[in-house]
Amino acid sequence: MSRTHMERVVDARLRILENEVPDTVRDHEIITDDGLDRGVITVHDLEGHVLYVEFVESEESLTRPGALEQFNEATSSGCRALVIVPDEARSAAELLSRGGNPSIELVSYGVVGIYLLI
C-alpha cells in the first residue's frame, strides 16, 4: 500500500523528534476530513504528561472549519502548540493572526527539518 504525502511528512517529523526529544513518548495520527489529510503528533513525558502538540498541516487543510479553534484548544491546557506548514503556505500566518493564541508557534516544514523528494 502506498503512503500518502502526509504520512511521509509525519514519519519524517517523527524521525526528527526521536533525536530532538529522545526521552519522550510520541503519539501520532493522520486525520482525513473531506479529502484533506493532516497529522497530529502529541509528545508526552515518560510520566504521560502532554508536553506539546504538533499539528502537521497542508496548505489546504489550514482552511478547514475549526482549525484555529483546535490550535487554540491545545494551548488552553497550558501545553505548547506548534503548527507545521509547507514552506509555501502563505495563508497560515494570516489564519493565526485572526484569533490564534499568541503562544501558538508557526513554522515551515523546512525550518523543522522536513525535506521530502516528491
Protein backbone atom coordinates (compact mmCIF):
# COMPACT_ATOMS: atom_id res chain seq x y z
CA MET A 1 0.00 0.00 0.00
CA SER A 2 1.48 3.35 -0.97
CA ARG A 3 1.74 6.00 1.68
CA THR A 4 0.17 9.42 1.33
CA HIS A 5 2.16 12.63 1.23
CA MET A 6 1.00 13.48 4.78
CA GLU A 7 2.05 10.06 6.09
CA ARG A 8 5.54 10.64 4.69
CA VAL A 9 5.70 14.13 6.22
CA VAL A 10 4.58 12.88 9.65
CA ASP A 11 7.00 9.95 9.51
CA ALA A 12 9.85 12.35 8.68
CA ARG A 13 8.91 14.58 11.62
CA LEU A 14 8.71 11.59 13.99
CA ARG A 15 12.25 10.53 12.99
CA ILE A 16 13.48 14.06 13.73
CA LEU A 17 11.73 14.09 17.11
CA GLU A 18 13.39 10.81 18.09
CA ASN A 19 16.69 12.68 18.06
CA GLU A 20 15.44 16.06 19.34
CA VAL A 21 13.46 14.76 22.33
CA PRO A 22 14.65 11.19 22.95
CA ASP A 23 13.19 10.66 26.42
CA THR A 24 9.59 11.20 25.38
CA VAL A 25 6.67 9.24 24.01
CA ARG A 26 5.32 10.41 20.66
CA ASP A 27 1.79 9.50 19.57
CA HIS A 28 0.55 10.42 16.14
CA GLU A 29 -2.42 10.14 13.90
CA ILE A 30 -3.34 11.03 10.34
CA ILE A 31 -6.79 12.58 10.15
CA THR A 32 -8.72 12.84 6.89
CA ASP A 33 -11.64 15.26 6.71
CA ASP A 34 -13.37 15.98 3.42
CA GLY A 35 -10.43 14.56 1.49
CA LEU A 36 -7.85 16.68 3.33
CA ASP A 37 -5.12 14.93 5.30
CA ARG A 38 -3.42 16.41 8.33
CA GLY A 39 -1.27 14.98 11.07
CA VAL A 40 -1.31 15.43 14.82
CA ILE A 41 1.73 14.49 16.90
CA THR A 42 1.41 14.57 20.68
CA VAL A 43 4.61 14.48 22.71
CA HIS A 44 4.40 13.19 26.29
CA ASP A 45 7.00 12.92 29.02
CA LEU A 46 7.68 9.47 30.43
CA GLU A 47 5.02 10.01 33.12
CA GLY A 48 2.38 10.63 30.45
CA HIS A 49 2.04 14.40 30.77
CA VAL A 50 1.49 16.20 27.47
CA LEU A 51 4.44 18.46 26.72
CA TYR A 52 3.26 19.77 23.37
CA VAL A 53 1.16 19.07 20.33
CA GLU A 54 2.32 19.46 16.75
CA PHE A 55 -0.22 20.00 14.01
CA VAL A 56 1.21 19.00 10.64
CA GLU A 57 -0.88 20.73 8.02
CA SER A 58 -1.09 21.10 4.28
CA GLU A 59 -1.93 24.49 2.82
CA GLU A 60 -5.41 23.17 2.06
CA SER A 61 -6.07 21.64 5.50
CA LEU A 62 -5.45 25.02 7.14
CA THR A 63 -8.69 26.26 5.58
CA ARG A 64 -10.87 23.63 7.21
CA PRO A 65 -13.55 24.84 9.63
CA GLY A 66 -12.36 24.61 13.21
CA ALA A 67 -8.61 24.56 12.52
CA LEU A 68 -7.91 27.71 14.52
CA GLU A 69 -10.12 26.53 17.40
CA GLN A 70 -8.23 23.24 17.52
CA PHE A 71 -4.88 25.02 17.73
CA ASN A 72 -6.19 27.34 20.47
CA GLU A 73 -7.68 24.43 22.41
CA ALA A 74 -4.30 22.72 22.57
CA THR A 75 -2.81 25.77 24.30
CA SER A 76 -5.71 26.18 26.74
CA SER A 77 -4.37 23.37 28.92
CA GLY A 78 -1.00 25.09 29.14
CA CYS A 79 0.88 22.94 26.68
CA ARG A 80 2.78 24.24 23.70
CA ALA A 81 1.25 24.04 20.23
CA LEU A 82 3.31 24.01 17.08
CA VAL A 83 1.69 24.35 13.64
CA ILE A 84 3.92 22.99 10.88
CA VAL A 85 3.03 24.01 7.34
CA PRO A 86 4.59 23.66 3.88
CA ASP A 87 7.26 26.22 3.09
CA GLU A 88 4.96 27.90 0.55
CA ALA A 89 1.88 28.13 2.82
CA ARG A 90 1.16 31.84 2.99
CA SER A 91 -2.32 31.51 4.46
CA ALA A 92 -1.04 30.15 7.79
CA ALA A 93 0.20 33.44 9.24
CA GLU A 94 -2.98 35.17 8.15
CA LEU A 95 -5.12 32.49 9.81
CA LEU A 96 -3.25 32.70 13.11
CA SER A 97 -3.35 36.49 13.08
CA ARG A 98 -7.17 36.35 13.01
CA GLY A 99 -7.51 34.98 16.50
CA GLY A 100 -4.82 32.46 17.22
CA ASN A 101 -3.39 32.31 20.72
CA PRO A 102 -0.08 34.22 20.61
CA SER A 103 1.68 31.20 22.14
CA ILE A 104 0.98 29.06 19.06
CA GLU A 105 4.21 28.65 17.13
CA LEU A 106 4.10 28.58 13.35
CA VAL A 107 6.97 27.01 11.41
CA SER A 108 7.54 25.61 7.95
CA TYR A 109 8.48 22.05 7.06
CA GLY A 110 11.98 23.25 6.17
CA VAL A 111 12.51 25.01 9.50
CA VAL A 112 11.87 21.78 11.43
CA GLY A 113 13.98 19.76 9.02
CA ILE A 114 11.37 18.05 6.86
CA TYR A 115 12.70 17.72 3.34
CA LEU A 116 10.97 15.29 1.02
CA LEU A 117 11.72 14.37 -2.55
CA ILE A 118 8.26 14.07 -4.02
